[in-house]
Structures are given as structure tokens and as C-alpha cells.
Amino acid sequence: MIKYDRLTGKATSVPLGATTTGQPVGQPLQLASGLVLGGTNIRTAAGLTPTRSYQGVYTLNPATGATRDYPLPFADLVAQGKPQYTTAMRAPHSFTQAANGTVWSLVPYYLHLLFSPSVVLAPGLFALDAASGAPTGEIHFFDYSPGSAGPAAGALGYLSPMAAQGNVLVFVTPTTFADAVDGSRVWCVDLATRDANNHPASGSALLTPGGAADEAWWPLFGPTLAKKTGQLYLMTTAIGPTTSPTRQVRILKMQVGSPVTVAPAVTAVLTVAGAVDLPGTPLFDASDGNLYYGTATGRLMKFDPVAKAVTMVADLAATPGVTTDCRGFLSEAGGGVLMGIAADQDSTGSLTTRRAFRYILATGASTTTAVEASDRDPFPGITPILH
């Protein structure tokens, strides 16, 4: 584990004790019990506890360094009118806590048809114990109605982090073949409203700017909740049409339907035409009331929801000849310090180094320091931990 001091900007290696997780990835969450909960691509206990997947979740006790991991849940179900069994496609990249205290995560699952090479992908939302971090076994799929024809096959390889607005979870699933022209789908899941099978009520909407398929707007990440206003914001990108390529970033605000089964309303707030600074992190709700995001060009951007404007606040690019991108997630420690990861690559595209950066909201000052972060983590960042 890397310990990063937000005040001095120094990074040091911290041993985790005699046992370590197999391969941690993504954005951890510190539970009320003090344990840190995260996702792991390869569980250390996988060989001793045969399950359907080597992926799972881990917990870390910051005081002792002790770790433990658990397999991801699964559920056999009926989809496309036929019995299916499920396996997780990858480890969870992030975790979300609802207002009622329950903890949730989201990963894509393979739906396997017995005695058939056909494989369908569907997003799986599953619950974890709020104290121990262990999966409770509760799992729900949302690209189909239970007992119906089932989800469309599609590119659900990446599912973005979720946000919680009270007890409603909001997230985005990438485009499926059925929605190819219209783009991705944004979902709202009401944990407090259940049917006779204990399945939460849900509603969804397609993200459709209009136009041809190559003009569709692709959300790289899920919605972000601005806590001061209670408003949900969502960021999408577009590169098209192919005959006259343009790069654009659009920021939208989202209103959950009432009831949640009514499709959420999604409206554009700002469009940045000809943008070269495409997002590499989700929007982050900072304590100063603004939302920030890192870009694939190594810049830190600020979205002012009142002025409805985006400005660059820090250029984290490395030396000439090296390309830099801010990837993963942003976080904030006490004292108004934004933190994240910048990745540097040489002319061949090989990763040369990863740097932790900090940005002081009050002064606008930024600094970076090199860290030994794994290049296998698709969603890196820095998580403030309370002792």
C-alpha cells in the first residue's frame, strides 16, 4: 500500500503484514467499522475456496494491516426464456453507500446458457455487509425484467461508478446492440421500493443527442451527486461525425423520475465544442461547490455549475516528449486538497511513471510526486483513510 501525505506531497510504502490481497483494483471505500473495502482481480483465497470467479472483494484493517477477501456473489436465473448461470466478468471498481447505510457495487456478469456457446452480458448490482464488507448474497440484474426475454447482447465490459441520491442508486451501462444508435443507458434503482421478489424498482433512459450512430454521446463514467444542491450531473463525450471529426464534451444534469420507474429526465447544461481535453476521471464534487475532473491530456478541469463554465485549473503534463493523462478517480482530504493520479507515457505508449498530484482549492497551487502504482489498475486514485 502507498501512503500519500496530502500536506507534504510525499509518498511512502506501507507493508500490509503477512498477508496481502491478490491484486487490488479500483476505488476503495472505508466502512463505518474502520475497514477499507476494495475490489481484487485475483483473490489470495481463490485456490482454497473454489467458486465461479477468481475476482472478488477484499477488506483491509488500516490499524493492523490484516486483509481478507471474499468471492463475488452469483445467481442462477431465467433470461431470454432459458435457464442461465452467471459469472462475474471482472472485479468491482468502486463502492457506493446509500442513505440507509447499505453498501453496493456493480460489475458486468456473463450469463451462460447451458450447453451453448452463447454468452450474454448484464450489469449485476450486489450488496455488501456495511460492517464486514462481505457480500451478503443479494444481487440484481437490470438489463432485463425477471422472467422476460432477457437482456440484449452488447458491450457491457465497463460499468462506471455509481452515485447515491438518498436510497436511489444511479449508474450508466454502455451501449448494447439494441441501443447502438442511441448510445448508452442511465439507470435509477430505488432500494426502498421492492416487488414481491424483493427486486428494487428501476427506471432508465437512453442518452440520445440525436443524429447518426457515430454522433452518439458516450458516458465514460456515471452520474455525480453535487451534495450542496442535491443535483445529479453526468458527463458525456462525442467524436463525430466521421466525415468531419469533432471532439466535444457535454455536461448534463439529471432528474430522477417520480416514481423511479418513470424514465429520468436528462438535459444538457453545457457543451464544449472542439474540445481536446476529454475526461479521464468522473466529475468530482468538491467542498468549494464546484465539480472537477481530470483529462486524457493531463489537465485538471473545473466545472462551475452556477456560471455553467469549464476552465482549466492545473496543467499536470510532464516534460516534452512524454504524454500525460489523469485517469481513475479524484478524491478530497481535509483542508480542501484534491488528489488524483497522473500517468506518463513515452513516445511508444509505454507507461514510464505514475504521479500522485494534489491541488489546493484555496490557493490553486498544485504539486506532484512519483508513486509505485500498478499499471494493471484500470481505475487508480487516492483514498483518504481515517484511523
Protein backbone atom coordinates (compact mmCIF):
# COMPACT_ATOMS: atom_id res chain seq x y z
CA MET A 1 0.00 0.00 0.00
CA ILE A 2 1.23 3.51 -0.79
CA LYS A 3 0.76 6.17 1.88
CA TYR A 4 0.46 9.66 0.40
CA ASP A 5 0.74 12.68 2.70
CA ARG A 6 -1.65 15.31 1.35
CA LEU A 7 0.16 18.13 3.20
CA THR A 8 3.77 17.40 2.26
CA GLY A 9 3.09 15.65 -1.05
CA LYS A 10 5.38 12.75 -0.07
CA ALA A 11 4.60 9.10 -0.80
CA THR A 12 5.91 6.14 1.21
CA SER A 13 5.41 2.38 1.01
CA VAL A 14 3.49 0.78 3.88
CA PRO A 15 3.65 -3.03 4.40
CA LEU A 16 0.32 -4.77 4.86
CA GLY A 17 1.62 -7.56 7.09
CA ALA A 18 2.00 -11.27 6.42
CA THR A 19 -0.99 -11.49 4.06
CA THR A 20 -1.86 -9.28 1.12
CA THR A 21 -4.71 -9.17 -1.35
CA GLY A 22 -4.09 -10.87 -4.66
CA GLN A 23 -4.41 -7.84 -6.94
CA PRO A 24 -6.33 -4.79 -5.63
CA VAL A 25 -8.01 -2.54 -8.20
CA GLY A 26 -10.31 0.47 -8.24
CA GLN A 27 -11.64 2.89 -5.66
CA PRO A 28 -11.92 1.54 -2.10
CA LEU A 29 -14.48 2.66 0.47
CA GLN A 30 -13.82 2.96 4.21
CA LEU A 31 -16.69 1.42 6.17
CA ALA A 32 -18.05 2.72 9.47
CA SER A 33 -16.23 -0.17 11.19
CA GLY A 34 -12.92 1.29 10.00
CA LEU A 35 -12.24 -1.50 7.50
CA VAL A 36 -11.32 -0.49 3.96
CA LEU A 37 -13.31 -2.30 1.27
CA GLY A 38 -11.96 -2.73 -2.28
CA GLY A 39 -12.05 -4.90 -5.38
CA THR A 40 -9.47 -7.54 -6.30
CA ASN A 41 -8.80 -9.22 -9.65
CA ILE A 42 -7.20 -12.30 -8.10
CA ARG A 43 -8.12 -13.41 -4.59
CA THR A 44 -5.43 -14.99 -2.43
CA ALA A 45 -8.01 -17.45 -1.09
CA ALA A 46 -9.31 -18.38 -4.56
CA GLY A 47 -7.35 -21.62 -4.78
CA LEU A 48 -8.57 -22.77 -1.36
CA THR A 49 -12.20 -21.83 -1.89
CA PRO A 50 -13.36 -22.90 -5.36
CA THR A 51 -16.01 -20.54 -6.74
CA ARG A 52 -17.20 -19.41 -10.12
CA SER A 53 -14.80 -16.48 -10.28
CA TYR A 54 -11.32 -15.54 -9.17
CA GLN A 55 -12.45 -11.93 -8.79
CA GLY A 56 -13.77 -10.65 -5.50
CA VAL A 57 -13.61 -8.00 -2.82
CA TYR A 58 -11.09 -7.50 -0.06
CA THR A 59 -11.03 -5.75 3.29
CA LEU A 60 -8.04 -4.11 4.93
CA ASN A 61 -7.67 -3.19 8.59
CA PRO A 62 -5.55 0.01 8.47
CA ALA A 63 -4.52 -0.39 12.11
CA THR A 64 -3.08 -3.90 11.80
CA GLY A 65 -2.55 -4.36 8.06
CA ALA A 66 -4.62 -7.56 8.14
CA THR A 67 -6.55 -8.37 4.96
CA ARG A 68 -9.30 -10.75 3.96
CA ASP A 69 -11.02 -11.42 0.65
CA TYR A 70 -14.37 -12.81 -0.48
CA PRO A 71 -15.70 -14.20 -3.79
CA LEU A 72 -18.29 -12.22 -5.71
CA PRO A 73 -21.90 -13.41 -5.49
CA PHE A 74 -23.71 -15.10 -8.35
CA ALA A 75 -27.27 -16.12 -9.15
CA ASP A 76 -28.85 -18.63 -11.49
CA LEU A 77 -31.77 -17.12 -13.36
CA VAL A 78 -34.02 -17.22 -16.40
CA ALA A 79 -33.04 -14.87 -19.25
CA GLN A 80 -34.01 -14.95 -22.90
CA GLY A 81 -36.59 -17.50 -21.83
CA LYS A 82 -33.97 -20.07 -20.81
CA PRO A 83 -32.08 -21.04 -17.64
CA GLN A 84 -28.74 -19.25 -17.26
CA TYR A 85 -25.89 -19.35 -14.78
CA THR A 86 -23.78 -16.30 -14.06
CA THR A 87 -20.12 -15.46 -13.50
CA ALA A 88 -18.54 -12.08 -12.87
CA MET A 89 -16.62 -10.63 -15.79
CA ARG A 90 -14.22 -8.57 -13.67
CA ALA A 91 -13.62 -7.17 -10.20
CA PRO A 92 -15.68 -4.23 -8.91
CA HIS A 93 -14.04 -0.83 -9.46
CA SER A 94 -15.93 1.16 -6.82
CA PHE A 95 -18.45 1.01 -3.99
CA THR A 96 -21.39 3.22 -3.02
CA GLN A 97 -23.24 3.70 0.27
CA ALA A 98 -26.93 4.63 0.23
CA ALA A 99 -28.69 6.85 2.77
CA ASN A 100 -29.99 3.78 4.63
CA GLY A 101 -26.39 2.68 5.26
CA THR A 102 -26.35 -0.25 2.83
CA VAL A 103 -23.26 -0.70 0.64
CA TRP A 104 -23.42 -1.66 -3.03
CA SER A 105 -21.21 -2.35 -6.01
CA LEU A 106 -21.74 -3.05 -9.69
CA VAL A 107 -19.93 -5.33 -12.17
CA PRO A 108 -20.75 -6.90 -15.54
CA TYR A 109 -21.76 -10.56 -15.38
CA TYR A 110 -21.64 -13.24 -18.03
CA LEU A 111 -24.97 -15.05 -18.45
CA HIS A 112 -24.15 -18.53 -19.71
CA LEU A 113 -26.71 -20.69 -21.47
CA LEU A 114 -26.16 -24.33 -20.57
CA PHE A 115 -24.77 -26.50 -23.39
CA SER A 116 -24.48 -23.46 -25.68
CA PRO A 117 -21.55 -21.20 -26.69
CA SER A 118 -23.88 -18.19 -26.49
CA VAL A 119 -22.93 -15.67 -23.78
CA VAL A 120 -24.94 -12.60 -22.76
CA LEU A 121 -23.65 -9.73 -20.63
CA ALA A 122 -25.70 -7.97 -17.98
CA PRO A 123 -24.93 -5.47 -15.18
CA GLY A 124 -25.11 -7.03 -11.73
CA LEU A 125 -25.82 -4.86 -8.67
CA PHE A 126 -24.89 -6.57 -5.41
CA ALA A 127 -24.98 -5.75 -1.71
CA LEU A 128 -22.17 -5.94 0.85
CA ASP A 129 -22.30 -6.02 4.64
CA ALA A 130 -21.83 -2.46 5.93
CA ALA A 131 -19.56 -3.59 8.80
CA SER A 132 -17.55 -6.56 7.49
CA GLY A 133 -17.56 -5.80 3.74
CA ALA A 134 -18.54 -9.37 2.88
CA PRO A 135 -21.07 -9.82 0.02
CA THR A 136 -24.48 -10.57 1.51
CA GLY A 137 -25.60 -12.70 -1.45
CA GLU A 138 -28.21 -10.16 -2.60
CA ILE A 139 -27.76 -9.50 -6.32
CA HIS A 140 -29.95 -7.91 -9.00
CA PHE A 141 -29.71 -7.62 -12.80
CA PHE A 142 -31.25 -4.67 -14.63
CA ASP A 143 -30.90 -5.18 -18.38
CA TYR A 144 -33.88 -7.47 -18.33
CA SER A 145 -37.14 -8.00 -16.45
CA PRO A 146 -37.03 -11.22 -14.38
CA GLY A 147 -38.78 -13.95 -16.32
CA SER A 148 -38.89 -11.98 -19.57
CA ALA A 149 -36.97 -12.38 -22.82
CA GLY A 150 -33.79 -11.09 -21.19
CA PRO A 151 -31.09 -8.52 -21.94
CA ALA A 152 -29.68 -7.71 -25.34
CA ALA A 153 -26.15 -8.86 -26.01
CA GLY A 154 -23.75 -5.95 -26.04
CA ALA A 155 -20.58 -4.24 -24.93
CA LEU A 156 -21.01 -4.14 -21.16
CA GLY A 157 -17.31 -4.61 -20.49
CA TYR A 158 -17.09 -1.47 -18.38
CA LEU A 159 -19.61 -0.36 -15.82
CA SER A 160 -19.00 3.01 -14.27
CA PRO A 161 -19.00 4.08 -10.62
CA MET A 162 -22.41 4.76 -9.07
CA ALA A 163 -23.82 7.69 -7.15
CA ALA A 164 -26.48 7.56 -4.43
CA GLN A 165 -29.22 10.16 -4.17
CA GLY A 166 -30.79 9.15 -0.89
CA ASN A 167 -31.74 5.49 -1.37
CA VAL A 168 -31.74 5.72 -5.17
CA LEU A 169 -28.64 4.39 -6.94
CA VAL A 170 -27.80 5.86 -10.35
CA PHE A 171 -25.36 4.38 -12.86
CA VAL A 172 -24.68 4.03 -16.58
CA THR A 173 -24.39 0.91 -18.72
CA PRO A 174 -22.54 1.11 -22.06
CA THR A 175 -24.36 0.74 -25.33
CA THR A 176 -25.87 -2.61 -26.31
CA PHE A 177 -26.51 -3.75 -29.85
CA ALA A 178 -30.18 -2.90 -29.38
CA ASP A 179 -29.31 0.69 -28.42
CA ALA A 180 -26.39 1.20 -30.79
CA VAL A 181 -27.85 4.27 -32.48
CA ASP A 182 -28.99 5.90 -29.29
CA GLY A 183 -25.95 5.35 -27.10
CA SER A 184 -25.70 4.26 -23.51
CA ARG A 185 -28.39 3.94 -20.87
CA VAL A 186 -28.60 5.67 -17.48
CA TRP A 187 -30.34 3.75 -14.70
CA CYS A 188 -32.07 4.68 -11.43
CA VAL A 189 -32.68 1.94 -8.84
CA ASP A 190 -34.87 2.60 -5.79
CA LEU A 191 -33.65 0.41 -2.92
CA ALA A 192 -36.64 1.36 -0.78
CA THR A 193 -39.29 0.12 -3.24
CA ARG A 194 -39.37 -3.65 -3.89
CA ASP A 195 -41.64 -6.07 -5.72
CA ALA A 196 -42.86 -9.45 -4.46
CA ASN A 197 -39.49 -10.98 -5.42
CA ASN A 198 -37.57 -8.29 -3.47
CA HIS A 199 -36.35 -6.78 -6.76
CA PRO A 200 -35.84 -2.98 -6.45
CA ALA A 201 -37.90 -0.72 -8.66
CA SER A 202 -35.92 0.80 -11.53
CA GLY A 203 -36.17 3.16 -14.47
CA SER A 204 -33.79 4.07 -17.27
CA ALA A 205 -33.28 6.46 -20.15
CA LEU A 206 -31.20 6.41 -23.30
CA LEU A 207 -28.63 9.15 -23.72
CA THR A 208 -29.66 10.41 -27.14
CA PRO A 209 -28.37 13.69 -28.59
CA GLY A 210 -29.93 12.84 -31.95
CA GLY A 211 -28.17 12.16 -35.22
CA ALA A 212 -26.40 9.15 -36.62
CA ALA A 213 -24.79 6.39 -34.60
CA ASP A 214 -21.31 7.88 -34.94
CA GLU A 215 -22.58 11.06 -33.32
CA ALA A 216 -23.82 9.24 -30.21
CA TRP A 217 -22.63 10.55 -26.89
CA TRP A 218 -20.68 8.10 -24.78
CA PRO A 219 -20.59 8.45 -20.99
CA LEU A 220 -17.24 7.19 -19.73
CA PHE A 221 -18.46 7.40 -16.12
CA GLY A 222 -21.68 7.53 -14.14
CA PRO A 223 -23.54 10.48 -12.63
CA THR A 224 -22.10 12.54 -9.78
CA LEU A 225 -24.16 14.00 -6.92
CA ALA A 226 -23.49 17.64 -6.02
CA LYS A 227 -24.23 17.40 -2.31
CA LYS A 228 -24.86 21.11 -1.69
CA THR A 229 -27.69 21.26 -4.23
CA GLY A 230 -28.73 17.62 -4.42
CA GLN A 231 -28.34 17.84 -8.21
CA LEU A 232 -27.03 14.94 -10.28
CA TYR A 233 -24.59 15.75 -13.09
CA LEU A 234 -23.41 13.49 -15.91
CA MET A 235 -20.57 13.99 -18.38
CA THR A 236 -20.53 12.55 -21.91
CA THR A 237 -18.18 12.79 -24.88
CA ALA A 238 -18.60 12.61 -28.64
CA ILE A 239 -16.25 12.20 -31.58
CA GLY A 240 -18.10 12.50 -34.88
CA PRO A 241 -19.46 12.55 -37.45
CA THR A 242 -16.83 10.54 -39.27
CA THR A 243 -16.96 12.81 -42.33
CA SER A 244 -15.90 15.82 -40.27
CA PRO A 245 -14.47 14.67 -36.94
CA THR A 246 -15.02 16.90 -33.94
CA ARG A 247 -14.42 16.32 -30.26
CA GLN A 248 -16.98 17.52 -27.79
CA VAL A 249 -17.68 17.25 -24.09
CA ARG A 250 -21.20 17.68 -22.80
CA ILE A 251 -22.25 18.12 -19.16
CA LEU A 252 -25.83 17.22 -18.36
CA LYS A 253 -27.99 17.39 -15.29
CA MET A 254 -30.28 14.56 -14.39
CA GLN A 255 -33.57 14.39 -12.51
CA VAL A 256 -34.67 11.04 -11.09
CA GLY A 257 -38.19 10.13 -12.15
CA SER A 258 -41.05 10.11 -9.63
CA PRO A 259 -41.72 7.27 -9.14
CA VAL A 260 -38.36 5.90 -10.13
CA THR A 261 -39.96 3.70 -12.80
CA VAL A 262 -40.55 6.90 -14.80
CA ALA A 263 -37.55 7.50 -17.07
CA PRO A 264 -35.14 10.06 -15.58
CA ALA A 265 -35.01 13.46 -17.29
CA VAL A 266 -31.57 14.29 -18.72
CA THR A 267 -30.91 17.80 -20.05
CA ALA A 268 -27.75 19.45 -21.38
CA VAL A 269 -26.16 22.18 -19.26
CA LEU A 270 -23.01 22.87 -21.24
CA THR A 271 -21.41 21.70 -24.49
CA VAL A 272 -17.72 22.31 -25.10
CA ALA A 273 -17.31 22.15 -28.89
CA GLY A 274 -13.97 21.23 -30.40
CA ALA A 275 -12.70 20.05 -27.01
CA VAL A 276 -9.32 18.35 -26.88
CA ASP A 277 -9.38 17.79 -23.11
CA LEU A 278 -11.55 14.68 -22.99
CA PRO A 279 -12.34 13.39 -19.49
CA GLY A 280 -10.20 10.70 -17.87
CA THR A 281 -11.96 10.75 -14.48
CA PRO A 282 -15.57 11.15 -13.36
CA LEU A 283 -16.82 14.51 -12.16
CA PHE A 284 -15.89 15.03 -8.52
CA ASP A 285 -17.98 17.10 -6.11
CA ALA A 286 -15.52 19.29 -4.18
CA SER A 287 -16.09 21.21 -0.96
CA ASP A 288 -15.97 24.58 -2.75
CA GLY A 289 -19.23 23.78 -4.60
CA ASN A 290 -17.55 23.15 -7.96
CA LEU A 291 -17.12 19.86 -9.80
CA TYR A 292 -13.68 18.81 -11.06
CA TYR A 293 -12.37 16.21 -13.48
CA GLY A 294 -9.03 15.09 -14.89
CA THR A 295 -8.43 14.78 -18.62
CA ALA A 296 -6.61 12.47 -21.01
CA THR A 297 -4.27 15.40 -21.72
CA GLY A 298 -3.03 15.65 -18.13
CA ARG A 299 -5.12 18.62 -17.05
CA LEU A 300 -7.39 19.28 -14.09
CA MET A 301 -10.63 21.00 -15.09
CA LYS A 302 -13.24 22.83 -13.01
CA PHE A 303 -16.95 22.93 -13.84
CA ASP A 304 -18.79 25.81 -12.17
CA PRO A 305 -22.47 24.78 -12.03
CA VAL A 306 -23.59 28.36 -11.34
CA ALA A 307 -21.66 30.02 -14.17
CA LYS A 308 -22.10 26.90 -16.32
CA ALA A 309 -18.49 27.11 -17.46
CA VAL A 310 -15.47 24.79 -17.62
CA THR A 311 -11.94 26.12 -17.02
CA MET A 312 -8.52 24.53 -16.66
CA VAL A 313 -7.08 24.99 -13.16
CA ALA A 314 -3.88 22.89 -13.36
CA ASP A 315 -1.68 21.51 -16.13
CA LEU A 316 -0.04 18.31 -14.85
CA ALA A 317 1.70 17.42 -18.11
CA ALA A 318 5.24 16.06 -17.81
CA THR A 319 8.31 17.00 -19.86
CA PRO A 320 8.18 17.39 -23.68
CA GLY A 321 8.08 14.06 -25.49
CA VAL A 322 6.07 12.45 -22.71
CA THR A 323 2.27 12.34 -22.76
CA THR A 324 0.29 12.59 -19.54
CA ASP A 325 -3.27 11.64 -18.70
CA CYS A 326 -5.23 11.92 -15.49
CA ARG A 327 -7.07 8.64 -15.08
CA GLY A 328 -9.16 6.87 -12.46
CA PHE A 329 -10.85 8.92 -9.76
CA LEU A 330 -10.34 12.13 -7.79
CA SER A 331 -10.72 12.49 -4.04
CA GLU A 332 -10.51 15.22 -1.40
CA ALA A 333 -8.85 15.19 2.00
CA GLY A 334 -9.46 17.63 4.85
CA GLY A 335 -8.29 21.16 4.23
CA GLY A 336 -9.58 21.35 0.68
CA VAL A 337 -6.89 19.23 -1.01
CA LEU A 338 -7.90 17.49 -4.24
CA MET A 339 -5.87 14.38 -5.10
CA GLY A 340 -5.52 12.01 -8.02
CA ILE A 341 -3.18 10.06 -10.29
CA ALA A 342 -1.41 11.28 -13.44
CA ALA A 343 0.09 8.64 -15.73
CA ASP A 344 3.04 9.44 -18.03
CA GLN A 345 3.85 7.56 -21.24
CA ASP A 346 6.75 7.78 -23.66
CA SER A 347 6.50 8.02 -27.46
CA THR A 348 5.95 4.26 -27.77
CA GLY A 349 2.96 4.35 -25.44
CA SER A 350 4.79 2.57 -22.63
CA LEU A 351 3.98 3.69 -19.11
CA THR A 352 7.02 5.44 -17.65
CA THR A 353 5.74 6.60 -14.27
CA ARG A 354 2.68 7.41 -12.23
CA ARG A 355 2.48 10.54 -10.16
CA ALA A 356 0.16 11.43 -7.30
CA PHE A 357 -0.95 15.03 -7.50
CA ARG A 358 -2.56 17.44 -5.10
CA TYR A 359 -4.43 20.66 -5.86
CA ILE A 360 -5.19 23.21 -3.13
CA LEU A 361 -8.68 24.62 -3.64
CA ALA A 362 -7.99 27.82 -1.71
CA THR A 363 -4.77 28.80 -3.50
CA GLY A 364 -4.85 26.96 -6.82
CA ALA A 365 -1.36 25.54 -6.17
CA SER A 366 -0.57 22.03 -7.43
CA THR A 367 2.30 19.59 -6.87
CA THR A 368 3.07 16.01 -7.91
CA THR A 369 5.22 13.15 -6.62
CA ALA A 370 6.10 9.79 -8.20
CA VAL A 371 4.37 6.69 -6.79
CA GLU A 372 4.72 2.96 -7.44
CA ALA A 373 1.17 2.35 -8.63
CA SER A 374 0.28 -0.74 -10.66
CA ASP A 375 -0.29 -0.20 -14.37
CA ARG A 376 -2.88 -3.01 -14.21
CA ASP A 377 -5.34 -0.92 -12.21
CA PRO A 378 -7.93 0.48 -14.66
CA PHE A 379 -9.33 2.93 -12.09
CA PRO A 380 -6.49 4.31 -9.91
CA GLY A 381 -6.62 7.10 -7.37
CA ILE A 382 -6.01 8.06 -3.73
CA THR A 383 -8.43 7.18 -0.94
CA PRO A 384 -8.37 9.22 2.31
CA ILE A 385 -8.43 6.82 5.26
CA LEU A 386 -9.40 7.75 8.83
CA HIS A 387 -7.58 5.96 11.63
